[in-house]
Each structure stands twice: as C-alpha cells, then as structure tokens.
Amino acid sequence: MPYNQLLTFSNTYKHSNCQVTQNGKVSENNSGNWYCCMCDQMIPKNGVIQFAFKIIEVTCIMIGIGFRDIAESKGYYNCFGIGGGTYNIHNSSYCCNHDQQDKNDKKIAFPFQKNDIIIVEVDIQNQYVKWINSSTNQSFTLIIDTSKDLYPCVHFYKRCKIEIIS
C-alpha cells in the first residue's frame, strides 16, 4: 500500500491540545500556542515519498517533517526553528527549519490557505524535502539532515484543522 494511504496523525506523538479524529486522518487545535502533531509512520529511507495535507481551517499552520525525539523532548511545543528538530513552511510563506540559519524565519516559501492541498515530497537518499501547493503549483525545497528517522508533522497556532489526503 502506498505510504500516503497508510499515513495517520498520532494520538501518542503530539501535544495534548491537538485532537486527532477520523481514524487518524484529521488533526486540529483550538488553543493559542504552537503545538505539534506528528504522524505515526516514519518516512521510508528509499525512494521519493509523497504525502498530502488539505487545509480545512487555518489561523496559523506549519506543515513539515521532523525528528520525533527532539519534538518529544520539547513536549511537542514550539519545536520549530533552529534546534527545534523540524523542517516546515508556514501558511504566510515563512520557512522554519532545524539547522539552516540563513533560511530560518524567512519569507522564502509560498503562501497557502483554506482548501489548499499541500503535497510534501521527501527523498532521504538525496536529502531534500519539497512542498508543492497543488492549487497554484508553487513549490519550495530545503536540504535536510537525514541522520535520524524523520516523520511528517504539523504545527498549529490557534484554530486550525488539517486532513491527510490519500
């Protein structure tokens, strides 16, 4: 079965303020802090992997991939930016990432909004993550650290809801 069809948001590897519903396919938040929800399934080490998220409701949201151990050590709270363990794009075009100061907290990606579908492409062997807005065809690519296992994740600030699309 393709990776994106197996993908579920975790009921374990997330901040307690994130709700996971619809058999792990939907995650949401109603609180006023940056909370992280990771997926259960590790990104495979071989091949180009794609998965997609549909934005159902958005105040501020980040979509990305990350190291579960670092996010867990931070209590799934504010685990973005340098040393945060995750690589993300924000709905207002910002990039927030674990280890590239020159690209962190910079408006270098693309915007996205309610009803957009964001495709995330990861290639562990070639060490990159690429985000594609299926509505506008805009894309943004980052080099990533692949020394540890990576997992899809989302970060929420205030009222947000996102769905994993098969």
Protein backbone atom coordinates (compact mmCIF):
# COMPACT_ATOMS: atom_id res chain seq x y z
CA MET A 1 0.00 0.00 0.00
CA PRO A 2 1.37 3.48 -0.85
CA TYR A 3 2.85 5.45 2.05
CA ASN A 4 0.25 8.27 1.86
CA GLN A 5 -2.63 5.79 2.26
CA LEU A 6 -1.08 4.34 5.43
CA LEU A 7 -0.35 7.76 6.95
CA THR A 8 -2.11 8.75 10.19
CA PHE A 9 -1.72 11.51 12.74
CA SER A 10 -0.51 10.08 16.04
CA ASN A 11 -2.55 10.00 19.22
CA THR A 12 0.73 9.48 21.11
CA TYR A 13 3.32 11.71 19.43
CA LYS A 14 1.56 15.06 19.78
CA HIS A 15 0.77 17.86 22.20
CA SER A 16 -2.26 17.11 24.37
CA ASN A 17 -4.10 20.15 22.93
CA CYS A 18 -4.12 18.60 19.44
CA GLN A 19 -7.18 16.47 18.71
CA VAL A 20 -6.87 13.56 16.28
CA THR A 21 -10.11 12.27 14.71
CA GLN A 22 -11.44 10.31 11.71
CA ASN A 23 -9.18 7.29 12.30
CA GLY A 24 -6.07 9.45 12.41
CA LYS A 25 -6.75 11.31 9.16
CA VAL A 26 -7.66 14.69 10.75
CA SER A 27 -5.85 16.78 13.37
CA GLU A 28 -6.97 20.09 14.87
CA ASN A 29 -6.19 22.63 17.54
CA ASN A 30 -8.17 25.42 19.18
CA SER A 31 -5.51 26.84 21.51
CA GLY A 32 -3.21 29.84 21.33
CA ASN A 33 0.25 28.26 21.21
CA TRP A 34 2.44 26.47 18.68
CA TYR A 35 1.57 22.81 19.23
CA CYS A 36 2.95 19.95 17.15
CA CYS A 37 1.24 16.77 15.97
CA MET A 38 3.42 14.13 14.32
CA CYS A 39 2.40 11.18 12.19
CA ASP A 40 2.85 7.58 13.35
CA GLN A 41 4.65 6.37 10.22
CA MET A 42 8.35 7.02 9.67
CA ILE A 43 9.34 8.36 6.25
CA PRO A 44 10.94 5.46 4.33
CA LYS A 45 14.70 5.64 3.65
CA ASN A 46 14.44 4.62 -0.02
CA GLY A 47 12.73 6.29 -2.95
CA VAL A 48 10.82 9.53 -3.38
CA ILE A 49 7.92 9.62 -0.92
CA GLN A 50 4.89 11.91 -1.31
CA PHE A 51 2.05 12.69 1.06
CA ALA A 52 -0.52 15.49 1.09
CA PHE A 53 -2.48 17.60 3.55
CA LYS A 54 -5.68 19.55 2.91
CA ILE A 55 -6.13 22.76 4.88
CA ILE A 56 -9.64 22.73 6.37
CA GLU A 57 -9.33 25.66 8.79
CA VAL A 58 -6.35 27.95 9.29
CA THR A 59 -5.24 30.68 11.64
CA CYS A 60 -1.51 29.88 11.59
CA ILE A 61 -0.26 26.49 10.50
CA MET A 62 3.06 24.92 9.53
CA ILE A 63 3.49 21.73 7.53
CA GLY A 64 6.67 19.72 7.56
CA ILE A 65 8.76 16.80 8.68
CA GLY A 66 10.77 16.27 11.82
CA PHE A 67 12.74 14.22 14.28
CA ARG A 68 10.34 12.66 16.78
CA ASP A 69 12.88 12.50 19.61
CA ILE A 70 13.58 16.26 19.51
CA ALA A 71 9.88 17.18 19.27
CA GLU A 72 9.15 14.80 22.15
CA SER A 73 11.93 16.33 24.28
CA LYS A 74 10.22 19.72 23.81
CA GLY A 75 6.82 18.34 24.76
CA TYR A 76 5.56 18.93 21.18
CA TYR A 77 5.55 22.66 21.96
CA ASN A 78 7.46 25.33 19.95
CA CYS A 79 9.52 22.62 18.21
CA PHE A 80 10.37 24.63 15.10
CA GLY A 81 13.19 26.97 14.20
CA ILE A 82 16.91 26.37 14.79
CA GLY A 83 17.38 23.31 17.02
CA GLY A 84 13.65 22.60 17.00
CA GLY A 85 14.02 19.33 15.15
CA THR A 86 11.61 20.09 12.30
CA TYR A 87 11.59 21.47 8.73
CA ASN A 88 8.43 23.46 7.89
CA ILE A 89 6.69 26.00 5.74
CA HIS A 90 4.16 28.40 7.27
CA ASN A 91 0.90 29.44 5.60
CA SER A 92 2.23 33.02 5.30
CA SER A 93 5.30 31.91 3.23
CA TYR A 94 7.82 31.59 6.07
CA CYS A 95 10.34 28.76 6.29
CA CYS A 96 11.20 27.50 9.79
CA ASN A 97 13.86 24.83 9.99
CA HIS A 98 16.12 22.90 12.32
CA ASP A 99 19.60 23.72 11.03
CA GLN A 100 19.80 26.43 8.32
CA GLN A 101 20.06 29.86 9.93
CA ASP A 102 20.14 31.64 6.54
CA LYS A 103 16.71 30.22 5.64
CA ASN A 104 15.07 30.11 9.09
CA ASP A 105 12.21 32.51 9.85
CA LYS A 106 12.48 33.96 6.33
CA LYS A 107 9.60 34.62 3.93
CA ILE A 108 11.03 32.44 1.14
CA ALA A 109 8.42 29.70 0.62
CA PHE A 110 4.87 30.29 -0.71
CA PRO A 111 1.54 31.17 0.92
CA PHE A 112 -1.31 28.71 1.34
CA GLN A 113 -4.83 28.98 2.67
CA LYS A 114 -8.06 27.18 3.44
CA ASN A 115 -8.90 24.40 0.92
CA ASP A 116 -5.36 24.29 -0.49
CA ILE A 117 -3.72 20.87 -0.75
CA ILE A 118 -0.04 20.85 0.14
CA ILE A 119 1.96 17.94 -1.27
CA VAL A 120 5.14 17.09 0.62
CA GLU A 121 7.84 15.19 -1.26
CA VAL A 122 10.74 13.68 0.67
CA ASP A 123 13.83 11.92 -0.66
CA ILE A 124 16.02 10.68 2.21
CA GLN A 125 18.79 9.43 -0.11
CA ASN A 126 19.07 12.82 -1.86
CA GLN A 127 18.47 14.71 1.42
CA TYR A 128 15.64 17.06 0.49
CA VAL A 129 12.06 17.95 1.29
CA LYS A 130 9.88 19.76 -1.25
CA TRP A 131 6.47 21.34 -0.67
CA ILE A 132 4.07 21.91 -3.56
CA ASN A 133 0.82 23.88 -3.44
CA SER A 134 -1.44 21.86 -5.75
CA SER A 135 -3.72 24.91 -6.25
CA THR A 136 -1.01 27.28 -7.50
CA ASN A 137 1.79 24.83 -8.46
CA GLN A 138 4.24 26.91 -6.38
CA SER A 139 6.99 24.89 -4.73
CA PHE A 140 9.80 25.26 -2.20
CA THR A 141 12.69 22.87 -1.49
CA LEU A 142 15.01 22.51 1.51
CA ILE A 143 18.08 20.34 2.15
CA ILE A 144 17.54 18.19 5.25
CA ASP A 145 19.55 16.32 7.86
CA THR A 146 18.80 12.62 7.39
CA SER A 147 20.99 11.26 10.21
CA LYS A 148 17.89 10.19 12.18
CA ASP A 149 14.39 8.95 11.35
CA LEU A 150 12.01 11.63 10.05
CA TYR A 151 8.22 11.83 10.38
CA PRO A 152 5.56 14.04 8.79
CA CYS A 153 4.29 16.72 11.20
CA VAL A 154 2.13 19.81 11.51
CA HIS A 155 2.26 22.76 13.91
CA PHE A 156 -0.85 24.71 14.91
CA TYR A 157 -1.35 28.15 16.40
CA LYS A 158 -4.94 28.92 17.45
CA ARG A 159 -7.87 27.46 15.46
CA CYS A 160 -6.65 25.09 12.74
CA LYS A 161 -7.75 21.83 11.15
CA ILE A 162 -5.91 19.71 8.60
CA GLU A 163 -6.60 16.42 6.85
CA ILE A 164 -4.30 13.79 5.37
CA ILE A 165 -5.34 13.22 1.73
CA SER A 166 -4.73 9.84 0.09
